[in-house]
């Protein structure tokens, strides 16, 4: 395990596990770097025919570690590793499968838009509370989410931070199926193994036909510029202070 990211290859499946359960699998720059390294290496690794992403513990991920957001806002850190990970997701040619239990917050939900097959535990909740933090969507979700579920539903998720349960996520097309939590990993692994038995060249060509990668990467660049600008605003600073102080933010006082 490197930087709270566990990796192993079994039967042609590269499994990536976000393993920071004491911090709700909140993603740090080092974790993003490890995920990006693994995804980039998988592209040319002959033993890898499919990739499975999951989280350890009782939830998938709480999203970005908010302390690192604050560091970016003050210039003490940058988003280079985040962008490496997002670009690796966008460029991934081999099948991506996700197994999601409990909460999937922020990037925990937007990364699913880049996965080819998503299995949810029946206790899963997906949310994208970027605006709640005075920020904007990322991972090209401002493009991909409305395309997937329609403007009205996407706006409620992005602007109001409304969470979506597993059953609705499947009905809306955000996931392929919901299963009992005890069956989640086995179900996702079975799907991954089935994909390893498919002709890889045909899978890669089909995925390339289904995804407008250039448009996705271009949207990521636009979002990243907006995201970085929003991090330095008074609204974002109030959101981070409120989170640290365990209170509701008062955006009217900084508007």
Protein backbone atom coordinates (compact mmCIF):
# COMPACT_ATOMS: atom_id res chain seq x y z
CA UNK A 1 0.00 0.00 0.00
CA UNK A 2 1.29 3.46 -0.97
CA UNK A 3 -0.11 6.68 0.52
CA UNK A 4 -3.36 5.00 1.60
CA UNK A 5 -3.91 3.47 -1.85
CA UNK A 6 -3.80 -0.32 -1.90
CA UNK A 7 -3.13 -1.97 -5.28
CA UNK A 8 -3.06 -5.56 -6.41
CA UNK A 9 -3.52 -7.50 -9.64
CA UNK A 10 -5.48 -10.74 -9.62
CA UNK A 11 -6.73 -12.59 -12.67
CA UNK A 12 -6.15 -9.64 -14.98
CA UNK A 13 -7.96 -7.17 -12.68
CA UNK A 14 -6.07 -4.26 -11.14
CA UNK A 15 -7.83 -3.35 -7.91
CA UNK A 16 -7.33 0.12 -6.44
CA UNK A 17 -8.53 0.55 -2.86
CA UNK A 18 -8.81 3.93 -1.15
CA UNK A 19 -7.70 2.81 2.30
CA UNK A 20 -7.99 5.70 4.74
CA UNK A 21 -11.15 4.70 6.62
CA UNK A 22 -10.26 6.67 9.76
CA UNK A 23 -10.58 9.82 7.61
CA UNK A 24 -13.55 8.53 5.60
CA UNK A 25 -11.19 7.84 2.69
CA UNK A 26 -10.84 11.59 2.10
CA UNK A 27 -8.41 12.04 -0.77
CA UNK A 28 -5.08 13.80 -0.30
CA UNK A 29 -2.64 14.98 -2.96
CA UNK A 30 -0.49 11.91 -2.26
CA UNK A 31 -3.49 9.62 -2.74
CA UNK A 32 -4.36 11.31 -6.03
CA UNK A 33 -0.76 10.84 -7.15
CA UNK A 34 -0.82 7.15 -6.28
CA UNK A 35 -4.12 6.65 -8.12
CA UNK A 36 -2.81 8.53 -11.15
CA UNK A 37 0.39 6.48 -11.15
CA UNK A 38 -1.61 3.24 -11.06
CA UNK A 39 -4.03 4.26 -13.82
CA UNK A 40 -1.25 5.51 -16.07
CA UNK A 41 0.82 2.36 -15.56
CA UNK A 42 -2.19 0.14 -16.24
CA UNK A 43 -2.45 1.48 -19.79
CA UNK A 44 0.67 -0.42 -20.84
CA UNK A 45 0.68 -3.23 -18.27
CA UNK A 46 -0.02 -6.41 -20.25
CA UNK A 47 -1.33 -8.25 -17.18
CA UNK A 48 -4.08 -5.66 -16.61
CA UNK A 49 -7.28 -6.13 -18.59
CA UNK A 50 -9.72 -4.30 -16.28
CA UNK A 51 -9.51 -1.92 -13.31
CA UNK A 52 -11.69 -2.00 -10.19
CA UNK A 53 -11.89 1.02 -7.87
CA UNK A 54 -13.33 0.72 -4.36
CA UNK A 55 -13.03 2.12 -0.86
CA UNK A 56 -12.15 0.42 2.43
CA UNK A 57 -14.47 0.58 5.42
CA UNK A 58 -18.09 1.64 5.49
CA UNK A 59 -18.02 4.29 2.76
CA UNK A 60 -16.50 4.86 -0.67
CA UNK A 61 -14.94 8.30 -0.09
CA UNK A 62 -15.83 11.61 1.55
CA UNK A 63 -14.19 13.36 -1.41
CA UNK A 64 -11.31 15.82 -1.20
CA UNK A 65 -9.51 16.37 2.08
CA UNK A 66 -10.74 19.90 2.88
CA UNK A 67 -7.50 20.84 4.61
CA UNK A 68 -5.80 20.54 1.22
CA UNK A 69 -8.40 22.82 -0.37
CA UNK A 70 -7.39 25.45 2.17
CA UNK A 71 -3.71 24.90 1.37
CA UNK A 72 -4.37 25.42 -2.34
CA UNK A 73 -6.26 28.62 -1.57
CA UNK A 74 -3.28 30.04 0.33
CA UNK A 75 -0.76 28.97 -2.31
CA UNK A 76 0.80 26.33 -0.06
CA UNK A 77 -0.25 23.52 -2.44
CA UNK A 78 -1.49 23.05 -5.98
CA UNK A 79 -3.91 20.78 -7.81
CA UNK A 80 -1.34 19.09 -10.04
CA UNK A 81 -1.94 15.58 -8.68
CA UNK A 82 -5.72 16.01 -8.76
CA UNK A 83 -5.50 16.94 -12.43
CA UNK A 84 -3.18 14.01 -13.17
CA UNK A 85 -5.79 11.68 -11.69
CA UNK A 86 -8.70 13.28 -13.54
CA UNK A 87 -6.82 13.18 -16.86
CA UNK A 88 -5.90 9.54 -16.23
CA UNK A 89 -9.58 8.77 -15.69
CA UNK A 90 -10.54 10.56 -18.88
CA UNK A 91 -7.83 8.80 -20.88
CA UNK A 92 -8.25 5.30 -19.43
CA UNK A 93 -8.72 2.92 -22.33
CA UNK A 94 -9.26 -0.27 -20.35
CA UNK A 95 -12.57 -1.00 -18.59
CA UNK A 96 -13.10 0.85 -15.31
CA UNK A 97 -15.41 -0.68 -12.71
CA UNK A 98 -16.42 0.91 -9.41
CA UNK A 99 -17.82 -0.69 -6.26
CA UNK A 100 -19.47 1.92 -4.04
CA UNK A 101 -20.75 1.57 -0.49
CA UNK A 102 -22.02 4.21 1.91
CA UNK A 103 -21.27 7.81 1.00
CA UNK A 104 -19.63 8.88 -2.26
CA UNK A 105 -19.08 12.62 -1.94
CA UNK A 106 -17.76 15.09 -4.51
CA UNK A 107 -15.09 13.41 -6.60
CA UNK A 108 -16.38 10.13 -5.17
CA UNK A 109 -19.43 10.66 -7.35
CA UNK A 110 -17.90 12.51 -10.30
CA UNK A 111 -15.28 9.82 -10.88
CA UNK A 112 -18.14 7.37 -11.42
CA UNK A 113 -19.07 9.30 -14.57
CA UNK A 114 -15.79 8.03 -16.05
CA UNK A 115 -16.36 4.40 -15.06
CA UNK A 116 -17.78 1.91 -17.51
CA UNK A 117 -19.64 -0.22 -14.98
CA UNK A 118 -20.76 0.90 -11.50
CA UNK A 119 -22.07 -1.37 -8.76
CA UNK A 120 -23.64 0.24 -5.70
CA UNK A 121 -24.35 -1.21 -2.31
CA UNK A 122 -27.99 -0.64 -1.40
CA UNK A 123 -26.85 1.76 1.34
CA UNK A 124 -24.98 4.03 -1.10
CA UNK A 125 -25.65 7.76 -1.36
CA UNK A 126 -24.10 9.89 -4.11
CA UNK A 127 -23.63 13.64 -3.66
CA UNK A 128 -21.80 16.53 -5.34
CA UNK A 129 -21.87 19.42 -2.81
CA UNK A 130 -19.42 21.70 -4.62
CA UNK A 131 -21.62 24.80 -4.48
CA UNK A 132 -22.22 24.14 -0.76
CA UNK A 133 -18.48 24.85 -0.40
CA UNK A 134 -18.71 27.90 -2.69
CA UNK A 135 -16.90 25.93 -5.42
CA UNK A 136 -17.83 24.57 -8.86
CA UNK A 137 -18.03 21.04 -10.29
CA UNK A 138 -14.94 19.16 -11.46
CA UNK A 139 -13.97 16.03 -13.43
CA UNK A 140 -16.05 17.35 -16.37
CA UNK A 141 -19.17 16.65 -14.28
CA UNK A 142 -20.71 19.95 -15.43
CA UNK A 143 -20.79 18.35 -18.89
CA UNK A 144 -21.22 14.65 -18.10
CA UNK A 145 -23.79 14.77 -15.31
CA UNK A 146 -26.51 16.74 -17.21
CA UNK A 147 -25.85 14.56 -20.25
CA UNK A 148 -26.38 11.45 -18.11
CA UNK A 149 -29.40 12.40 -15.97
CA UNK A 150 -30.79 15.63 -17.47
CA UNK A 151 -30.42 19.28 -16.48
CA UNK A 152 -33.07 19.34 -13.75
CA UNK A 153 -31.70 16.42 -11.77
CA UNK A 154 -28.09 17.46 -12.34
CA UNK A 155 -28.81 21.01 -11.18
CA UNK A 156 -30.37 19.75 -7.95
CA UNK A 157 -27.27 17.64 -7.29
CA UNK A 158 -24.74 20.32 -8.23
CA UNK A 159 -26.41 23.54 -7.04
CA UNK A 160 -28.22 22.23 -3.95
CA UNK A 161 -25.95 19.30 -3.10
CA UNK A 162 -28.92 16.93 -3.02
CA UNK A 163 -27.85 13.33 -2.40
CA UNK A 164 -29.14 10.46 -4.51
CA UNK A 165 -29.77 7.01 -3.06
CA UNK A 166 -28.70 3.78 -4.73
CA UNK A 167 -32.11 2.92 -6.13
CA UNK A 168 -32.56 6.32 -7.81
CA UNK A 169 -28.94 6.31 -9.02
CA UNK A 170 -29.62 3.07 -10.89
CA UNK A 171 -32.95 4.31 -12.24
CA UNK A 172 -31.35 7.54 -13.47
CA UNK A 173 -28.43 5.77 -15.16
CA UNK A 174 -25.67 6.74 -12.73
CA UNK A 175 -25.01 3.08 -11.93
CA UNK A 176 -25.66 -0.36 -13.40
CA UNK A 177 -27.05 -2.13 -10.37
CA UNK A 178 -27.56 -1.98 -6.60
CA UNK A 179 -26.92 -5.04 -4.45
CA UNK A 180 -26.89 -5.84 -0.72
CA UNK A 181 -23.75 -4.42 0.89
CA UNK A 182 -22.49 -7.91 1.73
CA UNK A 183 -22.51 -8.78 -1.98
CA UNK A 184 -20.90 -5.58 -3.30
CA UNK A 185 -17.28 -6.62 -3.72
CA UNK A 186 -18.05 -10.08 -5.06
CA UNK A 187 -20.50 -8.64 -7.58
CA UNK A 188 -18.05 -6.01 -8.81
CA UNK A 189 -15.22 -8.52 -9.00
CA UNK A 190 -17.41 -10.89 -11.02
CA UNK A 191 -18.17 -8.11 -13.51
CA UNK A 192 -14.46 -7.25 -13.74
CA UNK A 193 -13.54 -10.89 -14.32
CA UNK A 194 -16.19 -11.19 -17.01
CA UNK A 195 -14.70 -8.17 -18.77
CA UNK A 196 -11.22 -9.71 -18.66
CA UNK A 197 -12.57 -12.56 -20.79
CA UNK A 198 -13.80 -10.18 -23.49
CA UNK A 199 -11.50 -9.25 -26.42
CA UNK A 200 -9.54 -6.29 -25.02
CA UNK A 201 -8.95 -4.61 -28.37
CA UNK A 202 -12.66 -4.56 -29.10
CA UNK A 203 -13.42 -3.24 -25.61
CA UNK A 204 -10.93 -0.41 -26.03
CA UNK A 205 -12.25 0.50 -29.48
CA UNK A 206 -15.85 0.46 -28.25
CA UNK A 207 -15.04 2.69 -25.28
CA UNK A 208 -13.20 5.12 -27.57
CA UNK A 209 -16.30 5.32 -29.78
CA UNK A 210 -18.56 5.95 -26.77
CA UNK A 211 -16.54 8.78 -25.18
CA UNK A 212 -15.68 12.22 -26.56
CA UNK A 213 -12.37 12.35 -24.70
CA UNK A 214 -11.18 15.65 -26.18
CA UNK A 215 -14.39 17.42 -25.14
CA UNK A 216 -14.15 15.90 -21.67
CA UNK A 217 -10.54 17.04 -21.18
CA UNK A 218 -11.41 20.52 -22.50
CA UNK A 219 -14.27 20.82 -20.01
CA UNK A 220 -11.95 19.72 -17.20
CA UNK A 221 -9.61 22.58 -18.06
CA UNK A 222 -12.43 25.13 -17.94
CA UNK A 223 -13.69 23.74 -14.63
CA UNK A 224 -10.19 23.69 -13.12
CA UNK A 225 -9.66 27.37 -13.88
CA UNK A 226 -13.01 28.24 -12.30
CA UNK A 227 -12.36 25.92 -9.35
CA UNK A 228 -8.99 27.52 -8.62
CA UNK A 229 -10.47 31.00 -8.83
CA UNK A 230 -13.33 30.07 -6.50
CA UNK A 231 -10.96 28.66 -3.87
CA UNK A 232 -9.61 32.16 -3.18
CA UNK A 233 -13.00 33.86 -2.77
CA UNK A 234 -14.46 35.12 0.49
CA UNK A 235 -17.34 32.69 0.03
CA UNK A 236 -14.99 29.70 -0.06
CA UNK A 237 -13.05 30.94 2.96
CA UNK A 238 -16.31 31.24 4.90
CA UNK A 239 -17.28 27.72 3.83
CA UNK A 240 -13.97 26.29 5.05
CA UNK A 241 -14.14 28.22 8.33
CA UNK A 242 -17.68 26.99 8.92
CA UNK A 243 -16.64 23.41 8.25
CA UNK A 244 -13.73 23.67 10.68
CA UNK A 245 -15.96 25.30 13.30
CA UNK A 246 -18.77 22.77 12.76
CA UNK A 247 -21.39 25.41 11.96
CA UNK A 248 -23.54 26.42 9.04
CA UNK A 249 -21.83 28.91 6.70
CA UNK A 250 -23.19 32.45 6.47
CA UNK A 251 -22.70 33.37 2.84
CA UNK A 252 -24.88 36.48 3.16
CA UNK A 253 -22.22 38.06 5.37
CA UNK A 254 -19.58 37.79 2.62
CA UNK A 255 -21.77 38.32 -0.44
